[in-house]
Amino acid sequence: MPDNNLNTMSSMPNDTASQAMSTLPVNNAGARDILIFRGAQYWPTPEAVIREVHAQGLSVRIPRNNIPSGLVKGLSRIALGHIKAVIVIEKGTEDDLRTAFEALTEIDGHDPEIDAILGRNYEHRPSRWLEMPESNAKREIFERLGVSFKPGIFAFCYYSGATYYLKPDETEAPEDLAGKEIHAVRGVIADTGEVIQPEAETDTSESDAQDEG
């Protein structure tokens, strides 16, 4: 998900645990897009979401009665939103922000954690400042420069299909899912072969929409 795919549109919810999903209008390719909002309780920064997608793709559990219509493999985009996606710096620039954090290590001696964050590559640059260790100095810098974070869309990937996880007594997906191009699979624990019991009302997922970055 390179920077040229990032979008900083203002968006919805203010609930840090929200994983809301909504269907967006038809895009230029004639397919519907969807918006997934990742909650800060489990993904403290947008960069945490990006790291997870790079490692294992994007998979989202959805209720059977809320399967989006109009999704087309390879054409529909899954926009990713987060409550802290957009940075606002009211009294300076991002260069001023970096200079302020670099000055901390010059005054107090090099802090390995701050040095590591300053030297790390970020695809979502505002996450760098969110991931700085909490301290009075960080709060002072944010207050002095007027730094705040707002909800927004920070990246997208492409839809690659949906799967239904079969229950132990099932051999195929229920009839109401027929014709929706939903692939039935049986989840098992790789190490033991034990069947994974699907959670009630969340047994359909937008499966493995892979990062296109």
N, C-alpha and C. Protein backbone atom coordinates (compact mmCIF):
# COMPACT_ATOMS: atom_id res chain seq x y z
N MET A 1 0.83 -1.19 0.00
CA MET A 1 0.00 0.00 0.00
C MET A 1 0.87 1.25 0.00
N PRO A 2 1.46 1.61 -1.13
CA PRO A 2 2.34 2.76 -1.18
C PRO A 2 1.60 4.07 -0.97
N ASP A 3 2.37 5.13 -0.69
CA ASP A 3 1.77 6.42 -0.36
C ASP A 3 0.82 6.91 -1.44
N ASN A 4 1.09 6.60 -2.74
CA ASN A 4 0.22 7.13 -3.77
C ASN A 4 -1.13 6.44 -3.81
N ASN A 5 -1.34 5.40 -2.99
CA ASN A 5 -2.65 4.78 -2.86
C ASN A 5 -3.38 5.26 -1.62
N LEU A 6 -2.77 6.12 -0.84
CA LEU A 6 -3.37 6.53 0.41
C LEU A 6 -4.34 7.68 0.17
N ASN A 7 -5.39 7.70 0.98
CA ASN A 7 -6.41 8.71 0.83
C ASN A 7 -6.72 9.27 2.22
N THR A 8 -6.82 10.55 2.36
CA THR A 8 -7.04 11.14 3.68
C THR A 8 -8.39 11.85 3.75
N MET A 9 -9.43 11.18 3.20
CA MET A 9 -10.77 11.74 3.31
C MET A 9 -11.27 11.63 4.74
N SER A 10 -11.99 12.65 5.20
CA SER A 10 -12.64 12.53 6.50
C SER A 10 -13.71 11.46 6.40
N SER A 11 -13.93 10.74 7.49
CA SER A 11 -14.88 9.64 7.44
C SER A 11 -15.57 9.49 8.78
N MET A 12 -16.22 8.29 9.00
CA MET A 12 -17.03 8.11 10.17
C MET A 12 -16.30 7.50 11.33
N PRO A 13 -16.79 6.58 12.07
CA PRO A 13 -17.15 6.61 13.47
C PRO A 13 -16.09 7.08 14.45
N ASN A 14 -16.57 7.45 15.63
CA ASN A 14 -15.64 7.91 16.66
C ASN A 14 -15.49 6.87 17.76
N ASP A 15 -16.01 5.68 17.56
CA ASP A 15 -15.90 4.59 18.52
C ASP A 15 -14.58 3.86 18.26
N THR A 16 -13.66 3.86 19.24
CA THR A 16 -12.33 3.30 19.02
C THR A 16 -12.36 1.80 18.79
N ALA A 17 -13.43 1.11 19.18
CA ALA A 17 -13.50 -0.33 18.97
C ALA A 17 -14.31 -0.69 17.73
N SER A 18 -14.78 0.32 17.01
CA SER A 18 -15.67 0.07 15.89
C SER A 18 -14.97 -0.65 14.75
N GLN A 19 -15.67 -1.61 14.15
CA GLN A 19 -15.20 -2.24 12.92
C GLN A 19 -16.33 -2.15 11.90
N ALA A 20 -16.93 -0.98 11.79
CA ALA A 20 -18.10 -0.77 10.95
C ALA A 20 -17.77 -1.03 9.49
N MET A 21 -18.78 -1.52 8.74
CA MET A 21 -18.62 -1.74 7.32
C MET A 21 -19.78 -1.07 6.61
N SER A 22 -19.50 -0.39 5.52
CA SER A 22 -20.56 0.21 4.73
C SER A 22 -20.24 0.02 3.25
N THR A 23 -21.29 -0.02 2.42
CA THR A 23 -21.12 -0.20 0.98
C THR A 23 -21.10 1.16 0.32
N LEU A 24 -20.12 1.37 -0.54
CA LEU A 24 -19.96 2.64 -1.23
C LEU A 24 -20.56 2.56 -2.63
N PRO A 25 -20.76 3.69 -3.31
CA PRO A 25 -21.34 3.66 -4.66
C PRO A 25 -20.48 2.90 -5.66
N VAL A 26 -21.07 2.61 -6.81
CA VAL A 26 -20.35 1.92 -7.89
C VAL A 26 -19.16 2.76 -8.32
N ASN A 27 -17.99 2.10 -8.52
CA ASN A 27 -16.79 2.84 -8.91
C ASN A 27 -16.66 2.90 -10.43
N ASN A 28 -15.55 3.44 -10.92
CA ASN A 28 -15.37 3.63 -12.36
C ASN A 28 -15.30 2.32 -13.12
N ALA A 29 -14.99 1.21 -12.43
CA ALA A 29 -14.93 -0.10 -13.08
C ALA A 29 -16.28 -0.80 -13.08
N GLY A 30 -17.32 -0.14 -12.56
CA GLY A 30 -18.65 -0.71 -12.54
C GLY A 30 -18.89 -1.68 -11.41
N ALA A 31 -18.05 -1.66 -10.38
CA ALA A 31 -18.18 -2.56 -9.23
C ALA A 31 -18.37 -1.74 -7.96
N ARG A 32 -19.01 -2.32 -6.97
CA ARG A 32 -19.19 -1.63 -5.70
C ARG A 32 -17.94 -1.76 -4.83
N ASP A 33 -17.65 -0.72 -4.10
CA ASP A 33 -16.58 -0.73 -3.11
C ASP A 33 -17.20 -0.82 -1.72
N ILE A 34 -16.40 -1.24 -0.73
CA ILE A 34 -16.88 -1.23 0.65
C ILE A 34 -15.84 -0.55 1.53
N LEU A 35 -16.32 -0.05 2.65
CA LEU A 35 -15.46 0.61 3.63
C LEU A 35 -15.44 -0.22 4.90
N ILE A 36 -14.25 -0.55 5.36
CA ILE A 36 -14.06 -1.25 6.63
C ILE A 36 -13.36 -0.29 7.58
N PHE A 37 -13.93 -0.10 8.76
CA PHE A 37 -13.32 0.78 9.75
C PHE A 37 -12.68 -0.08 10.83
N ARG A 38 -11.36 -0.05 10.93
CA ARG A 38 -10.63 -0.83 11.92
C ARG A 38 -10.54 -0.05 13.23
N GLY A 39 -10.92 -0.70 14.34
CA GLY A 39 -10.97 -0.03 15.63
C GLY A 39 -9.61 0.07 16.31
N ALA A 40 -9.39 1.19 17.00
CA ALA A 40 -8.10 1.45 17.65
C ALA A 40 -7.85 0.54 18.85
N GLN A 41 -8.90 -0.12 19.35
CA GLN A 41 -8.69 -1.02 20.48
C GLN A 41 -7.78 -2.18 20.10
N TYR A 42 -7.90 -2.66 18.86
CA TYR A 42 -7.10 -3.79 18.40
C TYR A 42 -6.00 -3.37 17.42
N TRP A 43 -6.19 -2.26 16.74
CA TRP A 43 -5.19 -1.73 15.81
C TRP A 43 -4.91 -0.29 16.23
N PRO A 44 -3.95 -0.05 17.11
CA PRO A 44 -3.77 1.29 17.67
C PRO A 44 -3.40 2.36 16.65
N THR A 45 -2.83 1.95 15.52
CA THR A 45 -2.49 2.91 14.47
C THR A 45 -2.85 2.32 13.11
N PRO A 46 -3.06 3.18 12.10
CA PRO A 46 -3.27 2.66 10.75
C PRO A 46 -2.10 1.79 10.26
N GLU A 47 -0.88 2.13 10.67
CA GLU A 47 0.28 1.34 10.26
C GLU A 47 0.17 -0.09 10.79
N ALA A 48 -0.45 -0.28 11.96
CA ALA A 48 -0.65 -1.63 12.51
C ALA A 48 -1.55 -2.44 11.58
N VAL A 49 -2.55 -1.80 10.99
CA VAL A 49 -3.42 -2.48 10.04
C VAL A 49 -2.62 -2.85 8.78
N ILE A 50 -1.83 -1.92 8.29
CA ILE A 50 -1.03 -2.16 7.09
C ILE A 50 -0.06 -3.32 7.30
N ARG A 51 0.59 -3.37 8.45
CA ARG A 51 1.52 -4.47 8.73
C ARG A 51 0.79 -5.82 8.71
N GLU A 52 -0.41 -5.84 9.30
CA GLU A 52 -1.17 -7.08 9.33
C GLU A 52 -1.56 -7.52 7.92
N VAL A 53 -1.99 -6.57 7.08
CA VAL A 53 -2.38 -6.90 5.72
C VAL A 53 -1.19 -7.42 4.92
N HIS A 54 -0.03 -6.81 5.09
CA HIS A 54 1.16 -7.31 4.41
C HIS A 54 1.48 -8.74 4.84
N ALA A 55 1.27 -9.05 6.11
CA ALA A 55 1.64 -10.36 6.64
C ALA A 55 0.65 -11.45 6.26
N GLN A 56 -0.65 -11.14 6.23
CA GLN A 56 -1.63 -12.21 6.06
C GLN A 56 -2.84 -11.84 5.22
N GLY A 57 -2.79 -10.73 4.51
CA GLY A 57 -3.95 -10.31 3.75
C GLY A 57 -5.01 -9.72 4.68
N LEU A 58 -6.14 -9.36 4.11
CA LEU A 58 -7.23 -8.77 4.89
C LEU A 58 -8.41 -9.73 4.88
N SER A 59 -8.89 -10.11 6.04
CA SER A 59 -10.05 -10.98 6.16
C SER A 59 -10.97 -10.40 7.22
N VAL A 60 -12.24 -10.23 6.86
CA VAL A 60 -13.19 -9.58 7.75
C VAL A 60 -14.41 -10.46 7.94
N ARG A 61 -14.76 -10.78 9.20
CA ARG A 61 -15.97 -11.54 9.49
C ARG A 61 -17.19 -10.63 9.38
N ILE A 62 -18.22 -11.14 8.69
CA ILE A 62 -19.45 -10.36 8.54
C ILE A 62 -20.65 -11.27 8.80
N PRO A 63 -21.76 -10.72 9.28
CA PRO A 63 -22.98 -11.52 9.46
C PRO A 63 -23.54 -11.97 8.12
N ARG A 64 -24.18 -13.13 8.10
CA ARG A 64 -24.77 -13.64 6.87
C ARG A 64 -25.84 -12.72 6.32
N ASN A 65 -26.51 -11.98 7.20
CA ASN A 65 -27.58 -11.09 6.73
C ASN A 65 -27.07 -9.72 6.33
N ASN A 66 -25.75 -9.57 6.25
CA ASN A 66 -25.19 -8.26 5.90
C ASN A 66 -24.10 -8.40 4.83
N ILE A 67 -24.27 -9.37 3.93
CA ILE A 67 -23.29 -9.57 2.87
C ILE A 67 -23.48 -8.48 1.81
N PRO A 68 -22.48 -7.67 1.52
CA PRO A 68 -22.63 -6.60 0.54
C PRO A 68 -22.93 -7.15 -0.85
N SER A 69 -23.76 -6.44 -1.60
CA SER A 69 -24.06 -6.84 -2.98
C SER A 69 -23.20 -6.03 -3.94
N GLY A 70 -23.03 -6.56 -5.14
CA GLY A 70 -22.33 -5.83 -6.19
C GLY A 70 -20.82 -5.89 -6.12
N LEU A 71 -20.25 -6.77 -5.27
CA LEU A 71 -18.80 -6.88 -5.20
C LEU A 71 -18.28 -7.73 -6.36
N VAL A 72 -17.20 -7.28 -6.99
CA VAL A 72 -16.62 -7.98 -8.13
C VAL A 72 -15.15 -8.25 -7.84
N LYS A 73 -14.75 -9.51 -7.93
CA LYS A 73 -13.37 -9.88 -7.63
C LYS A 73 -12.40 -9.10 -8.51
N GLY A 74 -11.40 -8.53 -7.89
CA GLY A 74 -10.36 -7.82 -8.62
C GLY A 74 -10.72 -6.41 -9.02
N LEU A 75 -12.00 -6.02 -8.87
CA LEU A 75 -12.43 -4.67 -9.25
C LEU A 75 -12.96 -3.88 -8.06
N SER A 76 -13.67 -4.55 -7.17
CA SER A 76 -14.17 -3.86 -5.98
C SER A 76 -13.03 -3.59 -5.02
N ARG A 77 -13.01 -2.40 -4.48
CA ARG A 77 -11.97 -2.02 -3.53
C ARG A 77 -12.51 -2.03 -2.11
N ILE A 78 -11.66 -2.44 -1.19
CA ILE A 78 -11.99 -2.38 0.22
C ILE A 78 -11.20 -1.23 0.82
N ALA A 79 -11.90 -0.14 1.11
CA ALA A 79 -11.24 1.02 1.72
C ALA A 79 -11.09 0.78 3.21
N LEU A 80 -9.95 1.15 3.75
CA LEU A 80 -9.65 0.94 5.16
C LEU A 80 -9.67 2.27 5.90
N GLY A 81 -10.48 2.34 6.94
CA GLY A 81 -10.58 3.56 7.73
C GLY A 81 -10.09 3.34 9.15
N HIS A 82 -9.71 4.41 9.81
CA HIS A 82 -9.23 4.35 11.19
C HIS A 82 -9.52 5.69 11.84
N ILE A 83 -9.75 5.65 13.16
CA ILE A 83 -10.11 6.87 13.88
C ILE A 83 -8.97 7.89 13.95
N LYS A 84 -7.72 7.43 13.71
CA LYS A 84 -6.57 8.34 13.77
C LYS A 84 -5.80 8.33 12.45
N ALA A 85 -6.53 8.34 11.34
CA ALA A 85 -5.90 8.25 10.03
C ALA A 85 -5.31 9.56 9.53
N VAL A 86 -5.91 10.68 9.93
CA VAL A 86 -5.53 11.99 9.38
C VAL A 86 -4.88 12.83 10.47
N ILE A 87 -3.67 13.31 10.22
CA ILE A 87 -2.98 14.16 11.19
C ILE A 87 -3.25 15.63 10.88
N VAL A 88 -3.46 16.40 11.94
CA VAL A 88 -3.62 17.86 11.83
C VAL A 88 -2.52 18.49 12.67
N ILE A 89 -1.72 19.37 12.04
CA ILE A 89 -0.67 20.11 12.75
C ILE A 89 -0.99 21.59 12.59
N GLU A 90 -1.52 22.20 13.63
CA GLU A 90 -2.04 23.56 13.53
C GLU A 90 -0.95 24.62 13.59
N LYS A 91 0.20 24.31 14.22
CA LYS A 91 1.19 25.36 14.47
C LYS A 91 2.57 24.96 13.93
N GLY A 92 2.59 24.27 12.80
CA GLY A 92 3.88 23.88 12.24
C GLY A 92 3.70 22.87 11.12
N THR A 93 4.77 22.13 10.86
CA THR A 93 4.77 21.14 9.80
C THR A 93 5.26 19.80 10.35
N GLU A 94 5.21 18.77 9.52
CA GLU A 94 5.71 17.47 9.94
C GLU A 94 7.22 17.51 10.15
N ASP A 95 7.92 18.36 9.39
CA ASP A 95 9.36 18.53 9.62
C ASP A 95 9.62 19.11 11.02
N ASP A 96 8.77 20.03 11.45
CA ASP A 96 8.91 20.58 12.80
C ASP A 96 8.69 19.49 13.85
N LEU A 97 7.77 18.60 13.57
CA LEU A 97 7.47 17.50 14.48
C LEU A 97 8.68 16.57 14.61
N ARG A 98 9.27 16.23 13.47
CA ARG A 98 10.47 15.38 13.50
C ARG A 98 11.61 16.07 14.25
N THR A 99 11.82 17.34 13.97
CA THR A 99 12.89 18.08 14.63
C THR A 99 12.71 18.07 16.15
N ALA A 100 11.46 18.20 16.59
CA ALA A 100 11.19 18.22 18.03
C ALA A 100 11.53 16.89 18.68
N PHE A 101 11.20 15.77 18.02
CA PHE A 101 11.52 14.46 18.59
C PHE A 101 13.01 14.15 18.49
N GLU A 102 13.66 14.61 17.41
CA GLU A 102 15.11 14.42 17.31
C GLU A 102 15.82 15.18 18.43
N ALA A 103 15.29 16.34 18.79
CA ALA A 103 15.91 17.15 19.85
C ALA A 103 15.83 16.45 21.21
N LEU A 104 14.82 15.61 21.41
CA LEU A 104 14.70 14.91 22.69
C LEU A 104 15.92 14.03 22.94
N THR A 105 16.37 13.33 21.92
CA THR A 105 17.50 12.43 22.11
C THR A 105 18.82 13.19 22.18
N GLU A 106 18.85 14.38 21.58
CA GLU A 106 20.08 15.18 21.65
C GLU A 106 20.28 15.76 23.05
N ILE A 107 19.16 16.06 23.72
CA ILE A 107 19.25 16.67 25.05
C ILE A 107 19.46 15.62 26.12
N ASP A 108 18.67 14.55 26.06
CA ASP A 108 18.67 13.55 27.14
C ASP A 108 19.49 12.30 26.83
N GLY A 109 20.16 12.29 25.70
CA GLY A 109 20.86 11.08 25.29
C GLY A 109 19.93 10.24 24.43
N HIS A 110 20.52 9.44 23.54
CA HIS A 110 19.72 8.72 22.57
C HIS A 110 18.80 7.71 23.24
N ASP A 111 17.52 7.82 22.91
CA ASP A 111 16.52 6.88 23.36
C ASP A 111 16.37 5.85 22.24
N PRO A 112 16.73 4.59 22.46
CA PRO A 112 16.69 3.58 21.38
C PRO A 112 15.32 3.44 20.75
N GLU A 113 14.27 3.57 21.56
CA GLU A 113 12.91 3.41 21.00
C GLU A 113 12.57 4.56 20.07
N ILE A 114 12.89 5.79 20.49
CA ILE A 114 12.62 6.94 19.62
C ILE A 114 13.49 6.87 18.37
N ASP A 115 14.76 6.52 18.54
CA ASP A 115 15.65 6.40 17.38
C ASP A 115 15.12 5.38 16.38
N ALA A 116 14.61 4.26 16.88
CA ALA A 116 14.10 3.20 16.00
C ALA A 116 12.88 3.69 15.22
N ILE A 117 11.99 4.41 15.90
CA ILE A 117 10.79 4.91 15.23
C ILE A 117 11.14 5.97 14.20
N LEU A 118 12.08 6.86 14.53
CA LEU A 118 12.50 7.89 13.58
C LEU A 118 13.16 7.28 12.34
N GLY A 119 13.83 6.13 12.52
CA GLY A 119 14.54 5.51 11.40
C GLY A 119 13.71 4.52 10.61
N ARG A 120 12.53 4.18 11.10
CA ARG A 120 11.69 3.16 10.46
C ARG A 120 10.93 3.74 9.28
N ASN A 121 10.74 2.91 8.24
CA ASN A 121 9.92 3.32 7.11
C ASN A 121 8.44 3.13 7.45
N TYR A 122 7.64 4.14 7.16
CA TYR A 122 6.21 4.09 7.41
C TYR A 122 5.46 4.32 6.11
N GLU A 123 4.50 3.45 5.81
CA GLU A 123 3.64 3.69 4.65
C GLU A 123 2.54 4.70 5.00
N HIS A 124 2.13 4.70 6.25
CA HIS A 124 1.20 5.73 6.73
C HIS A 124 1.99 6.63 7.67
N ARG A 125 2.51 7.73 7.15
CA ARG A 125 3.47 8.53 7.89
C ARG A 125 2.97 9.04 9.24
N PRO A 126 1.68 9.47 9.36
CA PRO A 126 1.24 9.95 10.68
C PRO A 126 1.36 8.91 11.79
N SER A 127 1.37 7.63 11.44
CA SER A 127 1.49 6.59 12.47
C SER A 127 2.82 6.67 13.21
N ARG A 128 3.83 7.24 12.57
CA ARG A 128 5.14 7.38 13.22
C ARG A 128 4.99 8.13 14.56
N TRP A 129 4.20 9.19 14.53
CA TRP A 129 4.08 10.04 15.72
C TRP A 129 3.12 9.41 16.73
N LEU A 130 2.15 8.67 16.26
CA LEU A 130 1.28 7.94 17.17
C LEU A 130 2.05 6.86 17.93
N GLU A 131 3.05 6.27 17.28
CA GLU A 131 3.79 5.16 17.88
C GLU A 131 4.95 5.62 18.75
N MET A 132 5.19 6.92 18.82
CA MET A 132 6.19 7.41 19.76
C MET A 132 5.77 7.05 21.18
N PRO A 133 6.73 6.63 22.04
CA PRO A 133 6.36 6.24 23.40
C PRO A 133 5.68 7.39 24.14
N GLU A 134 4.65 7.03 24.91
CA GLU A 134 3.93 8.06 25.67
C GLU A 134 4.84 8.66 26.75
N SER A 135 4.83 9.97 26.86
CA SER A 135 5.66 10.66 27.85
C SER A 135 5.16 12.09 27.97
N ASN A 136 5.60 12.78 29.00
CA ASN A 136 5.28 14.20 29.14
C ASN A 136 5.86 15.01 27.99
N ALA A 137 7.05 14.60 27.52
CA ALA A 137 7.68 15.31 26.41
C ALA A 137 6.84 15.19 25.13
N LYS A 138 6.32 14.00 24.87
CA LYS A 138 5.46 13.81 23.68
C LYS A 138 4.22 14.68 23.79
N ARG A 139 3.58 14.68 24.96
CA ARG A 139 2.38 15.49 25.14
C ARG A 139 2.69 16.98 24.97
N GLU A 140 3.86 17.41 25.45
CA GLU A 140 4.24 18.82 25.32
C GLU A 140 4.45 19.18 23.86
N ILE A 141 5.09 18.29 23.10
CA ILE A 141 5.33 18.55 21.67
C ILE A 141 4.00 18.65 20.92
N PHE A 142 3.11 17.69 21.19
CA PHE A 142 1.81 17.70 20.51
C PHE A 142 1.04 18.98 20.84
N GLU A 143 1.08 19.40 22.11
CA GLU A 143 0.36 20.60 22.51
C GLU A 143 0.98 21.85 21.89
N ARG A 144 2.31 21.90 21.87
CA ARG A 144 2.99 23.08 21.34
C ARG A 144 2.74 23.25 19.84
N LEU A 145 2.71 22.15 19.10
CA LEU A 145 2.52 22.22 17.65
C LEU A 145 1.05 22.05 17.24
N GLY A 146 0.18 21.83 18.22
CA GLY A 146 -1.24 21.67 17.90
C GLY A 146 -1.52 20.41 17.11
N VAL A 147 -0.95 19.30 17.54
CA VAL A 147 -1.09 18.03 16.81
C VAL A 147 -2.34 17.29 17.29
N SER A 148 -3.15 16.85 16.35
CA SER A 148 -4.32 16.02 16.67
C SER A 148 -4.55 15.06 15.51
N PHE A 149 -5.40 14.06 15.73
CA PHE A 149 -5.68 13.04 14.72
C PHE A 149 -7.18 12.89 14.54
N LYS A 150 -7.60 12.69 13.29
CA LYS A 150 -9.02 12.61 12.96
C LYS A 150 -9.30 11.32 12.18
N PRO A 151 -10.58 10.89 12.18
CA PRO A 151 -10.95 9.70 11.40
C PRO A 151 -10.75 9.93 9.91
N GLY A 152 -10.47 8.87 9.18
CA GLY A 152 -10.33 8.99 7.74
C GLY A 152 -10.02 7.66 7.08
N ILE A 153 -9.95 7.67 5.76
CA ILE A 153 -9.57 6.50 4.96
C ILE A 153 -8.09 6.63 4.66
N PHE A 154 -7.32 5.56 4.93
CA PHE A 154 -5.88 5.67 4.79
C PHE A 154 -5.29 4.73 3.74
N ALA A 155 -6.05 3.77 3.23
CA ALA A 155 -5.51 2.83 2.25
C ALA A 155 -6.65 2.00 1.68
N PHE A 156 -6.36 1.21 0.66
CA PHE A 156 -7.35 0.26 0.14
C PHE A 156 -6.64 -0.95 -0.44
N CYS A 157 -7.38 -2.04 -0.53
CA CYS A 157 -6.92 -3.22 -1.25
C CYS A 157 -8.10 -3.74 -2.07
N TYR A 158 -7.88 -4.81 -2.83
CA TYR A 158 -8.92 -5.30 -3.72
C TYR A 158 -9.61 -6.55 -3.19
N TYR A 159 -10.90 -6.64 -3.42
CA TYR A 159 -11.72 -7.77 -2.99
C TYR A 159 -11.37 -9.01 -3.81
N SER A 160 -11.13 -10.14 -3.13
CA SER A 160 -10.79 -11.37 -3.84
C SER A 160 -11.77 -12.50 -3.59
N GLY A 161 -12.86 -12.24 -2.87
CA GLY A 161 -13.88 -13.26 -2.70
C GLY A 161 -14.33 -13.40 -1.26
N ALA A 162 -15.35 -14.24 -1.06
CA ALA A 162 -15.89 -14.47 0.27
C ALA A 162 -15.97 -15.97 0.52
N THR A 163 -15.81 -16.36 1.78
CA THR A 163 -15.88 -17.77 2.16
C THR A 163 -16.90 -17.97 3.28
N TYR A 164 -17.50 -19.15 3.29
CA TYR A 164 -18.38 -19.55 4.38
C TYR A 164 -17.73 -20.72 5.09
N TYR A 165 -17.55 -20.62 6.40
CA TYR A 165 -16.92 -21.70 7.16
C TYR A 165 -17.97 -22.72 7.58
N LEU A 166 -17.85 -23.93 7.03
CA LEU A 166 -18.81 -24.99 7.30
C LEU A 166 -18.79 -25.41 8.76
N LYS A 167 -19.98 -25.65 9.29
CA LYS A 167 -20.09 -26.25 10.61
C LYS A 167 -19.81 -27.75 10.51
N PRO A 168 -19.48 -28.40 11.62
CA PRO A 168 -19.10 -29.82 11.56
C PRO A 168 -20.12 -30.72 10.86
N ASP A 169 -21.43 -30.40 10.96
CA ASP A 169 -22.46 -31.25 10.38
C ASP A 169 -22.88 -30.81 8.98
N GLU A 170 -22.17 -29.84 8.40
CA GLU A 170 -22.52 -29.35 7.07
C GLU A 170 -21.53 -29.85 6.02
N THR A 171 -22.04 -30.08 4.81
CA THR A 171 -21.19 -30.47 3.69
C THR A 171 -21.15 -29.40 2.61
N GLU A 172 -22.07 -28.44 2.67
CA GLU A 172 -22.09 -27.34 1.71
C GLU A 172 -22.72 -26.12 2.35
N ALA A 173 -22.53 -24.99 1.70
CA ALA A 173 -23.07 -23.74 2.25
C ALA A 173 -24.59 -23.76 2.22
N PRO A 174 -25.26 -23.06 3.15
CA PRO A 174 -26.73 -22.99 3.15
C PRO A 174 -27.28 -22.44 1.83
N GLU A 175 -28.53 -22.81 1.53
CA GLU A 175 -29.13 -22.43 0.26
C GLU A 175 -29.20 -20.92 0.06
N ASP A 176 -29.38 -20.17 1.16
CA ASP A 176 -29.53 -18.72 1.01
C ASP A 176 -28.25 -18.05 0.52
N LEU A 177 -27.12 -18.79 0.56
CA LEU A 177 -25.86 -18.23 0.07
C LEU A 177 -25.56 -18.67 -1.37
N ALA A 178 -26.41 -19.57 -1.90
CA ALA A 178 -26.20 -20.06 -3.26
C ALA A 178 -26.31 -18.90 -4.25
N GLY A 179 -25.45 -18.94 -5.25
CA GLY A 179 -25.48 -17.93 -6.29
C GLY A 179 -24.79 -16.63 -5.94
N LYS A 180 -24.21 -16.57 -4.74
CA LYS A 180 -23.51 -15.34 -4.33
C LYS A 180 -21.99 -15.47 -4.45
N GLU A 181 -21.55 -16.54 -5.12
CA GLU A 181 -20.12 -16.78 -5.35
C GLU A 181 -19.35 -16.84 -4.03
N ILE A 182 -19.96 -17.49 -3.05
CA ILE A 182 -19.32 -17.67 -1.75
C ILE A 182 -18.78 -19.08 -1.66
N HIS A 183 -17.50 -19.22 -1.41
CA HIS A 183 -16.81 -20.50 -1.41
C HIS A 183 -16.90 -21.12 -0.01
N ALA A 184 -17.42 -22.35 0.07
CA ALA A 184 -17.54 -23.03 1.36
C ALA A 184 -16.23 -23.73 1.71
N VAL A 185 -15.75 -23.52 2.93
CA VAL A 185 -14.51 -24.16 3.38
C VAL A 185 -14.72 -24.68 4.79
N ARG A 186 -13.88 -25.63 5.20
CA ARG A 186 -13.92 -26.12 6.56
C ARG A 186 -12.66 -25.66 7.26
N GLY A 187 -12.82 -24.89 8.31
CA GLY A 187 -11.68 -24.38 9.06
C GLY A 187 -11.14 -25.43 10.02
N VAL A 188 -9.83 -25.63 9.98
CA VAL A 188 -9.19 -26.56 10.91
C VAL A 188 -7.93 -25.92 11.48
N ILE A 189 -7.54 -26.37 12.67
CA ILE A 189 -6.29 -25.93 13.27
C ILE A 189 -5.16 -26.73 12.64
N ALA A 190 -4.21 -26.05 12.03
CA ALA A 190 -3.18 -26.71 11.24
C ALA A 190 -2.40 -27.75 12.04
N ASP A 191 -2.07 -27.44 13.29
CA ASP A 191 -1.22 -28.33 14.09
C ASP A 191 -1.94 -29.59 14.55
N THR A 192 -3.26 -29.49 14.80
CA THR A 192 -3.99 -30.62 15.38
C THR A 192 -5.03 -31.23 14.46
N GLY A 193 -5.44 -30.50 13.42
CA GLY A 193 -6.51 -30.97 12.55
C GLY A 193 -7.89 -30.78 13.15
N GLU A 194 -7.98 -30.17 14.32
CA GLU A 194 -9.25 -29.96 14.99
C GLU A 194 -10.09 -28.93 14.22
N VAL A 195 -11.38 -29.26 14.04
CA VAL A 195 -12.27 -28.36 13.33
C VAL A 195 -12.53 -27.11 14.16
N ILE A 196 -12.43 -25.94 13.51
CA ILE A 196 -12.70 -24.67 14.18
C ILE A 196 -14.19 -24.41 14.15
N GLN A 197 -14.78 -24.19 15.31
CA GLN A 197 -16.21 -23.91 15.39
C GLN A 197 -16.47 -22.46 15.01
N PRO A 198 -17.26 -22.23 13.96
CA PRO A 198 -17.57 -20.83 13.59
C PRO A 198 -18.34 -20.14 14.69
N GLU A 199 -18.14 -18.83 14.81
CA GLU A 199 -18.88 -18.05 15.78
C GLU A 199 -20.29 -17.79 15.27
N ALA A 200 -21.25 -17.76 16.18
CA ALA A 200 -22.64 -17.56 15.79
C ALA A 200 -22.82 -16.26 15.03
N GLU A 201 -23.53 -16.34 13.90
CA GLU A 201 -23.89 -15.18 13.08
C GLU A 201 -22.71 -14.43 12.50
N THR A 202 -21.51 -15.00 12.54
CA THR A 202 -20.36 -14.32 11.93
C THR A 202 -19.56 -15.33 11.13
N ASP A 203 -20.28 -16.23 10.40
CA ASP A 203 -19.59 -17.33 9.75
C ASP A 203 -19.33 -17.09 8.27
N THR A 204 -19.54 -15.89 7.81
CA THR A 204 -19.19 -15.53 6.45
C THR A 204 -18.16 -14.42 6.51
N SER A 205 -17.18 -14.46 5.63
CA SER A 205 -16.17 -13.41 5.68
C SER A 205 -15.77 -12.95 4.30
N GLU A 206 -15.41 -11.66 4.21
CA GLU A 206 -14.75 -11.15 3.01
C GLU A 206 -13.34 -11.68 3.10
N SER A 207 -13.02 -12.69 2.34
CA SER A 207 -11.83 -13.46 2.65
C SER A 207 -10.61 -13.00 1.89
N ASP A 208 -9.54 -12.82 2.63
CA ASP A 208 -8.21 -12.70 2.08
C ASP A 208 -8.12 -11.71 0.93
N ALA A 209 -8.67 -10.54 1.09
CA ALA A 209 -8.49 -9.50 0.11
C ALA A 209 -7.07 -9.01 0.21
N GLN A 210 -6.24 -9.35 -0.73
CA GLN A 210 -4.79 -9.17 -0.59
C GLN A 210 -4.37 -7.74 -0.86
N ASP A 211 -3.36 -7.34 -0.15
CA ASP A 211 -2.74 -6.02 -0.32
C ASP A 211 -2.24 -5.87 -1.72
N GLU A 212 -2.53 -4.73 -2.35
CA GLU A 212 -2.10 -4.48 -3.73
C GLU A 212 -0.93 -3.51 -3.77
N GLY A 213 -0.30 -3.22 -2.62
CA GLY A 213 0.78 -2.23 -2.57
C GLY A 213 2.09 -2.79 -2.96
